[in-house]
Amino acid sequence: MVRKILQMHKELKDIGWNEEYVNQIDKFSIKQLYKALRVDYQKVEWRRLTCNNAACPKWIFISYLALQSRLLTRDRLATWGCAEDVHCVLCGTEDESHNHIFFRCLFSSQVWQNVLCWQSIHREARGWEEEITWLNAQCKGKQTRAEVLGWHWLQMFILFGRRGTNEISKRSQEPLQCWQKRCT
């Protein structure tokens, strides 16, 4: 207990809250202390895509990892010596990298285009950075359309989570057919 008090004393001195300053304060405010202790971090541009999203927490967590480029893709696993085959499970044509698995893979880009088509948005799927920039612009505000688009974007991470299972790799046309039925 004494150690914690001494540590807090040191932290208060570091932020400029020494005894003289505390004695000069007319009215103590927890809010002031919190703001002084809290470090001001720069807000990330993609915060609207993950924060206050009504999607499944698993999808939000996976999207957070993806936005940080921390997903365990096959090319990343191969650099650690954990994967021999680095080809994409979904299309089999290119190496599975972070940029490829989302929006560059033929299969995932078709699914994404069908998701957009379902929302009456007609545009080609682009690369990771371009799509994130576009989504940031589209998901501003509390409009229903923006919230639904943000929720559907997170559903794209189902592909990442299930890409090696029989659900997608052996019956890869099923998700496309499902979204095509919704679009027509």
Protein backbone atom coordinates (compact mmCIF):
# COMPACT_ATOMS: atom_id res chain seq x y z
CA MET A 1 0.00 0.00 0.00
CA VAL A 2 2.81 2.38 0.90
CA ARG A 3 4.58 1.50 -2.35
CA LYS A 4 1.47 2.45 -4.37
CA ILE A 5 1.20 5.78 -2.54
CA LEU A 6 4.85 6.56 -3.23
CA GLN A 7 4.44 5.62 -6.90
CA MET A 8 1.41 7.91 -7.18
CA HIS A 9 3.37 10.70 -5.47
CA LYS A 10 6.07 10.36 -8.13
CA GLU A 11 3.49 10.36 -10.96
CA LEU A 12 1.85 13.49 -9.59
CA LYS A 13 5.22 15.25 -9.48
CA ASP A 14 5.87 14.17 -13.09
CA ILE A 15 2.69 15.89 -14.31
CA GLY A 16 3.38 19.04 -12.29
CA TRP A 17 1.05 18.42 -9.35
CA ASN A 18 3.52 19.12 -6.55
CA GLU A 19 2.53 20.26 -3.04
CA GLU A 20 2.64 23.96 -3.96
CA TYR A 21 0.30 23.46 -6.91
CA VAL A 22 -2.16 21.37 -4.89
CA ASN A 23 -2.24 24.01 -2.12
CA GLN A 24 -3.06 26.73 -4.68
CA ILE A 25 -6.10 24.86 -6.03
CA ASP A 26 -9.33 26.35 -4.68
CA LYS A 27 -11.54 23.44 -5.63
CA PHE A 28 -10.26 19.94 -6.37
CA SER A 29 -11.58 18.34 -9.53
CA ILE A 30 -11.23 14.68 -10.43
CA LYS A 31 -11.78 15.70 -14.05
CA GLN A 32 -8.73 18.00 -13.94
CA LEU A 33 -6.60 15.29 -12.38
CA TYR A 34 -7.78 12.72 -14.92
CA LYS A 35 -6.98 15.03 -17.83
CA ALA A 36 -3.54 15.73 -16.37
CA LEU A 37 -2.77 12.02 -15.89
CA ARG A 38 -4.16 10.94 -19.23
CA VAL A 39 -1.79 11.08 -22.15
CA ASP A 40 -3.15 12.78 -25.25
CA TYR A 41 -2.95 10.22 -28.01
CA GLN A 42 -3.68 11.11 -31.58
CA LYS A 43 -7.06 9.77 -32.67
CA VAL A 44 -6.85 7.12 -35.36
CA GLU A 45 -8.84 7.75 -38.50
CA TRP A 46 -10.49 4.31 -38.48
CA ARG A 47 -12.00 4.62 -34.99
CA ARG A 48 -15.51 4.91 -36.47
CA LEU A 49 -15.16 1.45 -37.96
CA THR A 50 -14.60 -0.29 -34.63
CA CYS A 51 -15.87 1.93 -31.83
CA ASN A 52 -19.58 1.91 -30.98
CA ASN A 53 -20.25 -0.73 -33.60
CA ALA A 54 -23.13 -3.14 -32.88
CA ALA A 55 -21.35 -6.06 -34.53
CA CYS A 56 -20.11 -9.19 -32.81
CA PRO A 57 -17.14 -8.48 -30.49
CA LYS A 58 -15.12 -11.19 -32.26
CA TRP A 59 -15.43 -9.34 -35.58
CA ILE A 60 -14.52 -6.03 -33.94
CA PHE A 61 -11.42 -7.60 -32.39
CA ILE A 62 -10.34 -9.18 -35.68
CA SER A 63 -10.91 -5.88 -37.49
CA TYR A 64 -8.79 -4.09 -34.87
CA LEU A 65 -5.99 -6.57 -35.54
CA ALA A 66 -6.41 -6.10 -39.29
CA LEU A 67 -6.30 -2.32 -39.00
CA GLN A 68 -3.05 -2.70 -37.05
CA SER A 69 -1.72 -5.19 -39.69
CA ARG A 70 -1.41 -7.85 -36.99
CA LEU A 71 -3.46 -10.69 -38.50
CA LEU A 72 -1.76 -14.05 -38.84
CA THR A 73 -1.80 -14.35 -42.60
CA ARG A 74 0.08 -17.16 -44.28
CA ASP A 75 2.92 -14.97 -45.55
CA ARG A 76 3.46 -13.65 -42.02
CA LEU A 77 3.40 -17.16 -40.57
CA ALA A 78 5.89 -18.28 -43.23
CA THR A 79 8.41 -15.64 -42.13
CA TRP A 80 8.26 -17.23 -38.66
CA GLY A 81 8.65 -20.72 -40.13
CA CYS A 82 5.12 -21.79 -39.13
CA ALA A 83 3.57 -22.19 -42.60
CA GLU A 84 4.85 -23.97 -45.68
CA ASP A 85 2.13 -23.15 -48.20
CA VAL A 86 1.56 -19.41 -48.53
CA HIS A 87 -1.03 -19.51 -51.30
CA CYS A 88 -4.44 -18.00 -50.60
CA VAL A 89 -6.98 -20.62 -49.56
CA LEU A 90 -9.83 -18.69 -51.14
CA CYS A 91 -8.49 -18.14 -54.65
CA GLY A 92 -5.25 -20.16 -54.77
CA THR A 93 -3.64 -17.78 -57.26
CA GLU A 94 -1.52 -15.45 -55.11
CA ASP A 95 0.26 -15.51 -51.78
CA GLU A 96 -2.02 -14.83 -48.84
CA SER A 97 -0.96 -11.45 -47.48
CA HIS A 98 -2.84 -8.86 -45.49
CA ASN A 99 -3.52 -6.73 -48.56
CA HIS A 100 -4.49 -9.72 -50.69
CA ILE A 101 -6.91 -11.46 -48.31
CA PHE A 102 -9.06 -8.33 -48.03
CA PHE A 103 -10.28 -6.84 -51.29
CA ARG A 104 -7.48 -8.04 -53.64
CA CYS A 105 -8.40 -11.73 -53.58
CA LEU A 106 -10.86 -12.50 -56.36
CA PHE A 107 -13.22 -14.29 -53.97
CA SER A 108 -13.19 -11.68 -51.18
CA SER A 109 -13.49 -8.77 -53.63
CA GLN A 110 -16.56 -10.39 -55.21
CA VAL A 111 -18.12 -10.89 -51.79
CA TRP A 112 -17.36 -7.25 -50.89
CA GLN A 113 -18.85 -5.99 -54.15
CA ASN A 114 -21.98 -8.04 -53.47
CA VAL A 115 -22.22 -6.60 -49.97
CA LEU A 116 -21.99 -3.11 -51.45
CA CYS A 117 -24.49 -4.02 -54.18
CA TRP A 118 -26.92 -5.16 -51.51
CA GLN A 119 -26.71 -1.63 -50.08
CA SER A 120 -27.14 -0.05 -53.55
CA ILE A 121 -23.50 1.05 -53.73
CA HIS A 122 -21.97 0.26 -57.10
CA ARG A 123 -18.20 0.48 -57.09
CA GLU A 124 -15.19 -1.74 -57.71
CA ALA A 125 -13.31 -3.20 -54.76
CA ARG A 126 -9.88 -1.61 -54.40
CA GLY A 127 -6.89 -2.29 -52.17
CA TRP A 128 -6.84 -2.30 -48.39
CA GLU A 129 -5.77 1.33 -47.89
CA GLU A 130 -8.22 2.70 -50.47
CA GLU A 131 -11.14 0.75 -49.00
CA ILE A 132 -10.36 1.84 -45.44
CA THR A 133 -10.14 5.49 -46.55
CA TRP A 134 -13.44 5.16 -48.42
CA LEU A 135 -15.12 3.42 -45.47
CA ASN A 136 -13.93 6.13 -43.06
CA ALA A 137 -15.61 8.74 -45.23
CA GLN A 138 -18.80 6.68 -45.58
CA CYS A 139 -19.17 5.69 -41.92
CA LYS A 140 -19.24 9.20 -40.50
CA GLY A 141 -22.19 10.12 -38.36
CA LYS A 142 -25.03 8.18 -36.81
CA GLN A 143 -27.03 7.64 -39.99
CA THR A 144 -28.52 4.19 -40.37
CA ARG A 145 -26.80 3.70 -43.73
CA ALA A 146 -23.39 4.46 -42.19
CA GLU A 147 -23.98 2.10 -39.27
CA VAL A 148 -25.19 -0.73 -41.52
CA LEU A 149 -22.20 -0.28 -43.83
CA GLY A 150 -19.84 -0.39 -40.84
CA TRP A 151 -21.53 -3.53 -39.59
CA HIS A 152 -21.34 -5.23 -42.98
CA TRP A 153 -17.68 -4.28 -43.31
CA LEU A 154 -16.99 -6.19 -40.11
CA GLN A 155 -18.74 -9.22 -41.56
CA MET A 156 -15.94 -9.41 -44.13
CA PHE A 157 -13.79 -10.70 -41.28
CA ILE A 158 -15.88 -13.88 -41.24
CA LEU A 159 -13.95 -14.70 -44.42
CA PHE A 160 -10.67 -14.35 -42.59
CA GLY A 161 -11.82 -16.43 -39.65
CA ARG A 162 -13.28 -19.21 -41.78
CA ARG A 163 -10.95 -19.16 -44.76
CA GLY A 164 -9.31 -22.49 -43.94
CA THR A 165 -12.44 -24.37 -42.98
CA ASN A 166 -14.59 -26.54 -45.17
CA GLU A 167 -17.33 -23.89 -45.04
CA ILE A 168 -15.52 -21.69 -47.56
CA SER A 169 -12.62 -23.55 -49.16
CA LYS A 170 -14.58 -26.55 -50.49
CA ARG A 171 -17.84 -24.77 -51.22
CA SER A 172 -16.44 -21.37 -52.17
CA GLN A 173 -19.33 -20.36 -54.40
CA GLU A 174 -21.99 -20.49 -51.64
CA PRO A 175 -21.33 -17.05 -50.08
CA LEU A 176 -21.27 -15.43 -53.52
CA GLN A 177 -24.57 -17.02 -54.48
CA CYS A 178 -26.10 -15.94 -51.20
CA TRP A 179 -25.11 -12.29 -51.72
CA GLN A 180 -26.11 -12.42 -55.41
CA LYS A 181 -29.62 -13.52 -54.41
CA ARG A 182 -29.86 -10.55 -52.06
CA CYS A 183 -28.66 -8.12 -54.74
CA THR A 184 -31.23 -9.10 -57.33
